[in-house]
Structure formats: C-alpha cells, structure tokens
Amino acid sequence: MPITANVLYRDSLNFFRNQLTSILMLVMLTASISLLLNQILGTDSEILKILNATNGDFATSPSMGIQEFIRKMRPEQQIMLLKATVAAAFSALVGKALLIGGVLTLLRLISQGQDTSAIRALVISIPVLPRLMLLLFICSLLIQLGLRLLVVPGVIMAIAFSLSSIITTTDKQGVFDSIKLSCRLAFFNVRVIVPAMLLWVVAKLLLFFMFGHLAPLMPNAARWGVAALGNLVSALLLIYLFRLYILLRR
C-alpha cells in the first residue's frame, strides 16, 4: 500500500487527539523553559535597551530595514545586539531541542505500547539532547546559509534534513549518519513531505507577521502564548514526519 499524504494526515490527527493532554503539556513546558531562559540571559531587556536608546526607530518604522537599523547604532549598541542575538538563538535552540526530543520520545514510547507522560518523555529524552542540539545547530546553519545565498538551496536543504532529528532520536544514530539517511529518504518521498512542510511554514509565517515585531514589547503571558502556539504547530509536523518515518522503516 503506497504512503499518501491523506493517510499520514489522518494518522497524525488521530494520534494528536488521543494524546492531546501529553502533547499540550510538552508544548507548554518547552515554551515556559524557552521564556525562562530568555529572562535568565536578559535577552528581552537588552533588546528593549537598544530600542529605547535608538528612540524605538525600528519598532515605529516598519519600513526600515534591519541592516539600516544596525548601521545607525553606536558600536557599543551593536555589541549589545550581538550578545542579545546569540543569547536568543541559544535559548531558541534549547527550547527547540527539548520540544523535538520530548515529542519524539513520547511518540516512540507510545508506539512501543508503553504508557508515559510529558514529564517522563522529557526526562528520558535528556541523554539524546546534546546530539540533537548539535544536529539542529548544523542543520539550521546550513539552511540559513542556503536561504541567504539563493533561497532555493535553503529550501532544498530544509526538505532534505526534515527527517534527521527523528532518525537521531528514534534510532540513536550519529549526527552525520542521520543527515545522510534523511537526505536519501526525503528525496524519495518529496510528494508527502513538501505539503506538510508548506503548511508548517505558512502557520509559522502567520504567527511571525502577527506577533514577530511586537514580541520584545509584549507581556510575558502573551509571549508565552505565542511560543506555545508555535510549538504546537511544530509538534503537529513532528507527529506527521514520525509517522512517515515509521512506515518507511517497516
């Protein structure tokens, strides 16, 4: 029986409904951890300082480009922005790794017939987190470089790497072995991967355009809600890709 997008959508939604409580718990926990890391690292306060020091030019002038905004800064403000950007990227990487590790561990345990919870899935996923963070860092860096250069290479790499985190978490394979296997499987199953990824990108872009520029100025509760919504969208994509990988492995 051929693997189709409709079958994967149906299976994913059924699993999501059956494990709704655990998935929502994971989504909320990882959003809380990301927000807490931002607070500890002072990311938001640094960005607010920069916006206040520049009289809020970027926030009040949406037409101003990021490069133009950075050029208008003093050197010490540019250093502050660099530190805040690195801290924000680190907290996002940790939050993403926790979400992916927790959701995939939950999926793996349940597919093996084990009863589990969101907390237990997160705890069990801890040993794989360093490898998963390295994988996410390498994949994100390559995808961003591809998008910056010609866009198309970045899109191709995003598709090629789509199964890598599932492979390294489920089968405990190394970073580069996971990337290699993911490339091979993804290109043979583009027709079922691309529609799901397009829906994920559209949902993420909608969240970004609605809340992206306001994120540093929003109250913590609102930012937590936006982060949780983004995590929920990513969790749905993970369920879809996990189901695809399990069918391919069989």
C-alpha atoms as a PDB file:
ATOM      1  CA  MET A   1       0.000   0.000   0.000  1.00  0.00           C
ATOM      2  CA  PRO A   2       1.564   3.336  -1.046  1.00  0.00           C
ATOM      3  CA  ILE A   3       2.157   6.013   1.579  1.00  0.00           C
ATOM      4  CA  THR A   4      -0.022   9.040   0.855  1.00  0.00           C
ATOM      5  CA  ALA A   5      -0.344  12.443   2.481  1.00  0.00           C
ATOM      6  CA  ASN A   6      -4.028  11.778   3.287  1.00  0.00           C
ATOM      7  CA  VAL A   7      -3.161   8.626   5.240  1.00  0.00           C
ATOM      8  CA  LEU A   8      -0.426  10.453   7.150  1.00  0.00           C
ATOM      9  CA  TYR A   9      -2.701  13.425   7.911  1.00  0.00           C
ATOM     10  CA  ARG A  10      -5.399  11.094   9.246  1.00  0.00           C
ATOM     11  CA  ASP A  11      -2.975   9.070  11.366  1.00  0.00           C
ATOM     12  CA  SER A  12      -1.333  12.220  12.727  1.00  0.00           C
ATOM     13  CA  LEU A  13      -4.627  13.833  13.704  1.00  0.00           C
ATOM     14  CA  ASN A  14      -5.814  10.619  15.369  1.00  0.00           C
ATOM     15  CA  PHE A  15      -2.628  10.407  17.416  1.00  0.00           C
ATOM     16  CA  PHE A  16      -2.866  14.113  18.273  1.00  0.00           C
ATOM     17  CA  ARG A  17      -6.421  13.711  19.540  1.00  0.00           C
ATOM     18  CA  ASN A  18      -5.575  10.600  21.555  1.00  0.00           C
ATOM     19  CA  GLN A  19      -2.501  12.175  23.182  1.00  0.00           C
ATOM     20  CA  LEU A  20      -3.782  15.749  23.350  1.00  0.00           C
ATOM     21  CA  THR A  21      -3.083  16.205  27.072  1.00  0.00           C
ATOM     22  CA  SER A  22       0.525  14.991  26.907  1.00  0.00           C
ATOM     23  CA  ILE A  23       1.299  16.978  23.765  1.00  0.00           C
ATOM     24  CA  LEU A  24      -0.175  20.192  25.176  1.00  0.00           C
ATOM     25  CA  MET A  25       1.818  19.658  28.362  1.00  0.00           C
ATOM     26  CA  LEU A  26       5.043  19.279  26.353  1.00  0.00           C
ATOM     27  CA  VAL A  27       4.212  22.341  24.272  1.00  0.00           C
ATOM     28  CA  MET A  28       3.560  24.472  27.354  1.00  0.00           C
ATOM     29  CA  LEU A  29       6.583  23.171  29.274  1.00  0.00           C
ATOM     30  CA  THR A  30       9.025  23.834  26.441  1.00  0.00           C
ATOM     31  CA  ALA A  31       7.543  27.293  25.815  1.00  0.00           C
ATOM     32  CA  SER A  32       7.960  28.072  29.522  1.00  0.00           C
ATOM     33  CA  ILE A  33      11.581  26.870  29.515  1.00  0.00           C
ATOM     34  CA  SER A  34      12.414  28.996  26.460  1.00  0.00           C
ATOM     35  CA  LEU A  35      10.830  32.067  28.042  1.00  0.00           C
ATOM     36  CA  LEU A  36      12.617  31.413  31.326  1.00  0.00           C
ATOM     37  CA  LEU A  37      15.963  31.123  29.522  1.00  0.00           C
ATOM     38  CA  ASN A  38      15.283  34.438  27.804  1.00  0.00           C
ATOM     39  CA  GLN A  39      14.655  36.018  31.187  1.00  0.00           C
ATOM     40  CA  ILE A  40      17.784  34.493  32.752  1.00  0.00           C
ATOM     41  CA  LEU A  41      20.009  35.530  29.841  1.00  0.00           C
ATOM     42  CA  GLY A  42      18.485  39.005  29.761  1.00  0.00           C
ATOM     43  CA  THR A  43      17.684  38.838  26.052  1.00  0.00           C
ATOM     44  CA  ASP A  44      14.490  40.873  26.182  1.00  0.00           C
ATOM     45  CA  SER A  45      15.903  43.549  28.484  1.00  0.00           C
ATOM     46  CA  GLU A  46      18.908  44.017  26.181  1.00  0.00           C
ATOM     47  CA  ILE A  47      16.667  44.437  23.125  1.00  0.00           C
ATOM     48  CA  LEU A  48      14.460  46.908  24.977  1.00  0.00           C
ATOM     49  CA  LYS A  49      17.519  48.922  25.998  1.00  0.00           C
ATOM     50  CA  ILE A  50      18.618  49.111  22.364  1.00  0.00           C
ATOM     51  CA  LEU A  51      15.147  50.138  21.179  1.00  0.00           C
ATOM     52  CA  ASN A  52      14.929  52.818  23.874  1.00  0.00           C
ATOM     53  CA  ALA A  53      18.434  54.073  23.094  1.00  0.00           C
ATOM     54  CA  THR A  54      17.536  54.439  19.400  1.00  0.00           C
ATOM     55  CA  ASN A  55      14.206  56.100  20.278  1.00  0.00           C
ATOM     56  CA  GLY A  56      12.360  52.998  19.082  1.00  0.00           C
ATOM     57  CA  ASP A  57      13.153  53.727  15.419  1.00  0.00           C
ATOM     58  CA  PHE A  58      12.846  50.101  14.321  1.00  0.00           C
ATOM     59  CA  ALA A  59       9.626  49.455  16.237  1.00  0.00           C
ATOM     60  CA  THR A  60       7.984  52.651  14.991  1.00  0.00           C
ATOM     61  CA  SER A  61       9.302  52.425  11.407  1.00  0.00           C
ATOM     62  CA  PRO A  62       8.428  49.030   9.933  1.00  0.00           C
ATOM     63  CA  SER A  63       9.806  50.148   6.555  1.00  0.00           C
ATOM     64  CA  MET A  64      13.310  50.484   7.987  1.00  0.00           C
ATOM     65  CA  GLY A  65      15.484  47.505   7.086  1.00  0.00           C
ATOM     66  CA  ILE A  66      17.424  45.596   9.723  1.00  0.00           C
ATOM     67  CA  GLN A  67      20.764  46.452   8.112  1.00  0.00           C
ATOM     68  CA  GLU A  68      19.911  50.160   8.065  1.00  0.00           C
ATOM     69  CA  PHE A  69      18.811  49.952  11.694  1.00  0.00           C
ATOM     70  CA  ILE A  70      22.107  48.287  12.699  1.00  0.00           C
ATOM     71  CA  ARG A  71      24.185  50.854  10.767  1.00  0.00           C
ATOM     72  CA  LYS A  72      22.586  53.665  12.754  1.00  0.00           C
ATOM     73  CA  MET A  73      23.673  52.108  16.064  1.00  0.00           C
ATOM     74  CA  ARG A  74      26.727  53.074  18.034  1.00  0.00           C
ATOM     75  CA  PRO A  75      29.434  50.344  18.319  1.00  0.00           C
ATOM     76  CA  GLU A  76      28.502  49.530  21.914  1.00  0.00           C
ATOM     77  CA  GLN A  77      24.845  49.140  20.880  1.00  0.00           C
ATOM     78  CA  GLN A  78      25.886  46.766  18.096  1.00  0.00           C
ATOM     79  CA  ILE A  79      27.805  44.657  20.625  1.00  0.00           C
ATOM     80  CA  MET A  80      24.740  44.607  22.907  1.00  0.00           C
ATOM     81  CA  LEU A  81      22.594  43.498  19.970  1.00  0.00           C
ATOM     82  CA  LEU A  82      25.070  40.755  19.060  1.00  0.00           C
ATOM     83  CA  LYS A  83      25.066  39.412  22.622  1.00  0.00           C
ATOM     84  CA  ALA A  84      21.263  39.543  22.767  1.00  0.00           C
ATOM     85  CA  THR A  85      21.006  37.761  19.390  1.00  0.00           C
ATOM     86  CA  VAL A  86      23.380  34.974  20.471  1.00  0.00           C
ATOM     87  CA  ALA A  87      21.500  34.553  23.762  1.00  0.00           C
ATOM     88  CA  ALA A  88      18.152  34.465  21.951  1.00  0.00           C
ATOM     89  CA  ALA A  89      19.477  31.906  19.445  1.00  0.00           C
ATOM     90  CA  PHE A  90      20.784  29.722  22.274  1.00  0.00           C
ATOM     91  CA  SER A  91      17.509  29.790  24.208  1.00  0.00           C
ATOM     92  CA  ALA A  92      15.592  29.043  20.990  1.00  0.00           C
ATOM     93  CA  LEU A  93      17.924  26.116  20.242  1.00  0.00           C
ATOM     94  CA  VAL A  94      17.468  24.675  23.743  1.00  0.00           C
ATOM     95  CA  GLY A  95      13.692  25.082  23.571  1.00  0.00           C
ATOM     96  CA  LYS A  96      13.544  23.511  20.117  1.00  0.00           C
ATOM     97  CA  ALA A  97      15.700  20.563  21.190  1.00  0.00           C
ATOM     98  CA  LEU A  98      13.540  19.972  24.274  1.00  0.00           C
ATOM     99  CA  LEU A  99      10.347  20.111  22.207  1.00  0.00           C
ATOM    100  CA  ILE A 100      11.644  17.758  19.498  1.00  0.00           C
ATOM    101  CA  GLY A 101      13.260  15.375  21.976  1.00  0.00           C
ATOM    102  CA  GLY A 102      10.193  15.285  24.212  1.00  0.00           C
ATOM    103  CA  VAL A 103       7.629  14.865  21.436  1.00  0.00           C
ATOM    104  CA  LEU A 104       9.642  12.210  19.579  1.00  0.00           C
ATOM    105  CA  THR A 105      10.360  10.292  22.785  1.00  0.00           C
ATOM    106  CA  LEU A 106       6.648  10.404  23.606  1.00  0.00           C
ATOM    107  CA  LEU A 107       5.831   9.110  20.121  1.00  0.00           C
ATOM    108  CA  ARG A 108       8.434   6.345  20.336  1.00  0.00           C
ATOM    109  CA  LEU A 109       7.318   5.115  23.765  1.00  0.00           C
ATOM    110  CA  ILE A 110       3.641   5.111  22.848  1.00  0.00           C
ATOM    111  CA  SER A 111       4.336   3.317  19.552  1.00  0.00           C
ATOM    112  CA  GLN A 112       6.091   0.647  21.643  1.00  0.00           C
ATOM    113  CA  GLY A 113       2.948   0.237  23.742  1.00  0.00           C
ATOM    114  CA  GLN A 114       4.288   1.975  26.861  1.00  0.00           C
ATOM    115  CA  ASP A 115       2.185   4.310  28.987  1.00  0.00           C
ATOM    116  CA  THR A 116       4.014   7.566  29.537  1.00  0.00           C
ATOM    117  CA  SER A 117       3.588  11.252  30.351  1.00  0.00           C
ATOM    118  CA  ALA A 118       5.043  14.532  29.146  1.00  0.00           C
ATOM    119  CA  ILE A 119       7.423  14.796  32.124  1.00  0.00           C
ATOM    120  CA  ARG A 120       8.647  11.216  31.721  1.00  0.00           C
ATOM    121  CA  ALA A 121       9.188  11.732  27.984  1.00  0.00           C
ATOM    122  CA  LEU A 122      11.271  14.850  28.653  1.00  0.00           C
ATOM    123  CA  VAL A 123      13.364  13.065  31.291  1.00  0.00           C
ATOM    124  CA  ILE A 124      14.002  10.049  29.042  1.00  0.00           C
ATOM    125  CA  SER A 125      14.996  12.355  26.158  1.00  0.00           C
ATOM    126  CA  ILE A 126      17.763  14.070  28.184  1.00  0.00           C
ATOM    127  CA  PRO A 127      20.622  11.736  27.055  1.00  0.00           C
ATOM    128  CA  VAL A 128      19.923  12.466  23.370  1.00  0.00           C
ATOM    129  CA  LEU A 129      19.623  16.258  23.793  1.00  0.00           C
ATOM    130  CA  PRO A 130      23.344  17.132  23.267  1.00  0.00           C
ATOM    131  CA  ARG A 131      23.438  15.184  19.985  1.00  0.00           C
ATOM    132  CA  LEU A 132      20.086  16.636  18.977  1.00  0.00           C
ATOM    133  CA  MET A 133      21.234  20.201  19.728  1.00  0.00           C
ATOM    134  CA  LEU A 134      24.358  19.699  17.608  1.00  0.00           C
ATOM    135  CA  LEU A 135      22.239  18.303  14.779  1.00  0.00           C
ATOM    136  CA  LEU A 136      19.780  21.213  14.958  1.00  0.00           C
ATOM    137  CA  PHE A 137      22.619  23.743  15.039  1.00  0.00           C
ATOM    138  CA  ILE A 138      24.315  22.276  11.948  1.00  0.00           C
ATOM    139  CA  CYS A 139      21.057  21.904  10.003  1.00  0.00           C
ATOM    140  CA  SER A 140      19.810  25.393  10.939  1.00  0.00           C
ATOM    141  CA  LEU A 141      23.149  26.962   9.992  1.00  0.00           C
ATOM    142  CA  LEU A 142      23.232  25.255   6.587  1.00  0.00           C
ATOM    143  CA  ILE A 143      19.586  26.093   5.869  1.00  0.00           C
ATOM    144  CA  GLN A 144      20.065  29.758   6.820  1.00  0.00           C
ATOM    145  CA  LEU A 145      23.178  29.999   4.633  1.00  0.00           C
ATOM    146  CA  GLY A 146      21.265  28.467   1.737  1.00  0.00           C
ATOM    147  CA  LEU A 147      18.365  30.871   2.210  1.00  0.00           C
ATOM    148  CA  ARG A 148      20.700  33.861   2.405  1.00  0.00           C
ATOM    149  CA  LEU A 149      22.584  32.922  -0.745  1.00  0.00           C
ATOM    150  CA  LEU A 150      19.984  31.829  -3.297  1.00  0.00           C
ATOM    151  CA  VAL A 151      16.878  30.803  -1.267  1.00  0.00           C
ATOM    152  CA  VAL A 152      16.362  27.621  -3.304  1.00  0.00           C
ATOM    153  CA  PRO A 153      19.336  25.727  -1.750  1.00  0.00           C
ATOM    154  CA  GLY A 154      17.969  26.571   1.692  1.00  0.00           C
ATOM    155  CA  VAL A 155      14.535  25.197   0.809  1.00  0.00           C
ATOM    156  CA  ILE A 156      16.060  22.016  -0.638  1.00  0.00           C
ATOM    157  CA  MET A 157      18.192  21.508   2.483  1.00  0.00           C
ATOM    158  CA  ALA A 158      15.188  22.084   4.759  1.00  0.00           C
ATOM    159  CA  ILE A 159      13.366  19.268   2.956  1.00  0.00           C
ATOM    160  CA  ALA A 160      16.463  17.048   2.936  1.00  0.00           C
ATOM    161  CA  PHE A 161      17.057  17.464   6.686  1.00  0.00           C
ATOM    162  CA  SER A 162      13.388  17.101   7.674  1.00  0.00           C
ATOM    163  CA  LEU A 163      13.736  13.526   8.981  1.00  0.00           C
ATOM    164  CA  SER A 164      17.196  13.875  10.568  1.00  0.00           C
ATOM    165  CA  SER A 165      16.020  14.758  14.093  1.00  0.00           C
ATOM    166  CA  ILE A 166      13.581  11.821  14.028  1.00  0.00           C
ATOM    167  CA  ILE A 167      16.329   9.419  12.946  1.00  0.00           C
ATOM    168  CA  THR A 168      18.833  10.565  15.572  1.00  0.00           C
ATOM    169  CA  THR A 169      16.229  10.493  18.356  1.00  0.00           C
ATOM    170  CA  THR A 170      14.421   7.284  17.425  1.00  0.00           C
ATOM    171  CA  ASP A 171      17.315   5.136  16.206  1.00  0.00           C
ATOM    172  CA  LYS A 172      20.128   6.804  18.221  1.00  0.00           C
ATOM    173  CA  GLN A 173      22.195   7.364  15.087  1.00  0.00           C
ATOM    174  CA  GLY A 174      25.009   9.903  14.856  1.00  0.00           C
ATOM    175  CA  VAL A 175      24.535  13.426  13.559  1.00  0.00           C
ATOM    176  CA  PHE A 176      26.025  12.965  10.087  1.00  0.00           C
ATOM    177  CA  ASP A 177      24.578   9.476   9.630  1.00  0.00           C
ATOM    178  CA  SER A 178      21.144  10.905  10.434  1.00  0.00           C
ATOM    179  CA  ILE A 179      21.590  13.741   7.946  1.00  0.00           C
ATOM    180  CA  LYS A 180      22.757  11.341   5.240  1.00  0.00           C
ATOM    181  CA  LEU A 181      19.847   8.931   5.737  1.00  0.00           C
ATOM    182  CA  SER A 182      17.376  11.812   5.978  1.00  0.00           C
ATOM    183  CA  CYS A 183      18.538  13.210   2.626  1.00  0.00           C
ATOM    184  CA  ARG A 184      18.056   9.843   0.946  1.00  0.00           C
ATOM    185  CA  LEU A 185      14.608   9.195   2.404  1.00  0.00           C
ATOM    186  CA  ALA A 186      13.344  12.762   1.983  1.00  0.00           C
ATOM    187  CA  PHE A 187      14.159  13.000  -1.720  1.00  0.00           C
ATOM    188  CA  PHE A 188      12.367   9.699  -2.382  1.00  0.00           C
ATOM    189  CA  ASN A 189       9.278  10.962  -0.513  1.00  0.00           C
ATOM    190  CA  VAL A 190       9.120  14.621  -1.507  1.00  0.00           C
ATOM    191  CA  ARG A 191       5.468  14.335  -2.524  1.00  0.00           C
ATOM    192  CA  VAL A 192       4.357  13.617   1.052  1.00  0.00           C
ATOM    193  CA  ILE A 193       6.898  15.791   2.894  1.00  0.00           C
ATOM    194  CA  VAL A 194       6.559  19.065   0.971  1.00  0.00           C
ATOM    195  CA  PRO A 195       2.780  19.640   1.571  1.00  0.00           C
ATOM    196  CA  ALA A 196       3.180  19.212   5.337  1.00  0.00           C
ATOM    197  CA  MET A 197       6.217  21.475   5.444  1.00  0.00           C
ATOM    198  CA  LEU A 198       4.418  24.134   3.399  1.00  0.00           C
ATOM    199  CA  LEU A 199       1.527  24.140   5.872  1.00  0.00           C
ATOM    200  CA  TRP A 200       4.039  24.408   8.737  1.00  0.00           C
ATOM    201  CA  VAL A 201       5.847  27.345   7.072  1.00  0.00           C
ATOM    202  CA  VAL A 202       2.566  29.174   6.383  1.00  0.00           C
ATOM    203  CA  ALA A 203       1.438  28.740  10.009  1.00  0.00           C
ATOM    204  CA  LYS A 204       4.825  29.943  11.315  1.00  0.00           C
ATOM    205  CA  LEU A 205       4.802  32.955   8.988  1.00  0.00           C
ATOM    206  CA  LEU A 206       1.302  33.907  10.101  1.00  0.00           C
ATOM    207  CA  LEU A 207       2.433  33.836  13.730  1.00  0.00           C
ATOM    208  CA  PHE A 208       5.548  35.863  12.875  1.00  0.00           C
ATOM    209  CA  PHE A 209       3.690  38.539  10.927  1.00  0.00           C
ATOM    210  CA  MET A 210       1.065  38.856  13.648  1.00  0.00           C
ATOM    211  CA  PHE A 211       3.406  38.946  16.635  1.00  0.00           C
ATOM    212  CA  GLY A 212       7.053  38.928  15.480  1.00  0.00           C
ATOM    213  CA  HIS A 213       7.850  42.644  15.651  1.00  0.00           C
ATOM    214  CA  LEU A 214       5.892  43.084  18.876  1.00  0.00           C
ATOM    215  CA  ALA A 215       7.464  40.127  20.730  1.00  0.00           C
ATOM    216  CA  PRO A 216      10.016  42.146  22.796  1.00  0.00           C
ATOM    217  CA  LEU A 217       7.297  44.618  23.807  1.00  0.00           C
ATOM    218  CA  MET A 218       4.617  42.063  24.694  1.00  0.00           C
ATOM    219  CA  PRO A 219       3.877  40.958  28.267  1.00  0.00           C
ATOM    220  CA  ASN A 220       5.357  37.627  29.327  1.00  0.00           C
ATOM    221  CA  ALA A 221       1.992  35.871  29.243  1.00  0.00           C
ATOM    222  CA  ALA A 222       1.337  36.958  25.644  1.00  0.00           C
ATOM    223  CA  ARG A 223       4.825  35.940  24.506  1.00  0.00           C
ATOM    224  CA  TRP A 224       4.394  32.596  26.227  1.00  0.00           C
ATOM    225  CA  GLY A 225       1.137  32.087  24.350  1.00  0.00           C
ATOM    226  CA  VAL A 226       2.764  32.867  21.000  1.00  0.00           C
ATOM    227  CA  ALA A 227       5.682  30.500  21.771  1.00  0.00           C
ATOM    228  CA  ALA A 228       3.245  27.761  22.787  1.00  0.00           C
ATOM    229  CA  LEU A 229       1.279  28.168  19.540  1.00  0.00           C
ATOM    230  CA  GLY A 230       4.492  27.905  17.537  1.00  0.00           C
ATOM    231  CA  ASN A 231       5.480  24.780  19.464  1.00  0.00           C
ATOM    232  CA  LEU A 232       2.056  23.263  18.851  1.00  0.00           C
ATOM    233  CA  VAL A 233       2.416  23.756  15.084  1.00  0.00           C
ATOM    234  CA  SER A 234       5.902  22.180  15.198  1.00  0.00           C
ATOM    235  CA  ALA A 235       4.594  19.255  17.285  1.00  0.00           C
ATOM    236  CA  LEU A 236       1.961  18.501  14.627  1.00  0.00           C
ATOM    237  CA  LEU A 237       4.652  18.440  11.928  1.00  0.00           C
ATOM    238  CA  LEU A 238       6.822  16.152  14.083  1.00  0.00           C
ATOM    239  CA  ILE A 239       3.948  13.693  14.516  1.00  0.00           C
ATOM    240  CA  TYR A 240       3.389  13.662  10.744  1.00  0.00           C
ATOM    241  CA  LEU A 241       7.087  13.107   9.930  1.00  0.00           C
ATOM    242  CA  PHE A 242       7.492  10.494  12.663  1.00  0.00           C
ATOM    243  CA  ARG A 243       4.588   8.511  11.286  1.00  0.00           C
ATOM    244  CA  LEU A 244       6.117   8.732   7.805  1.00  0.00           C
ATOM    245  CA  TYR A 245       9.494   7.501   9.050  1.00  0.00           C
ATOM    246  CA  ILE A 246       7.951   4.555  10.908  1.00  0.00           C
ATOM    247  CA  LEU A 247       6.083   3.487   7.767  1.00  0.00           C
ATOM    248  CA  LEU A 248       9.243   3.838   5.679  1.00  0.00           C
ATOM    249  CA  ARG A 249      11.252   1.814   8.175  1.00  0.00           C
ATOM    250  CA  ARG A 250       8.712  -1.010   8.035  1.00  0.00           C
END
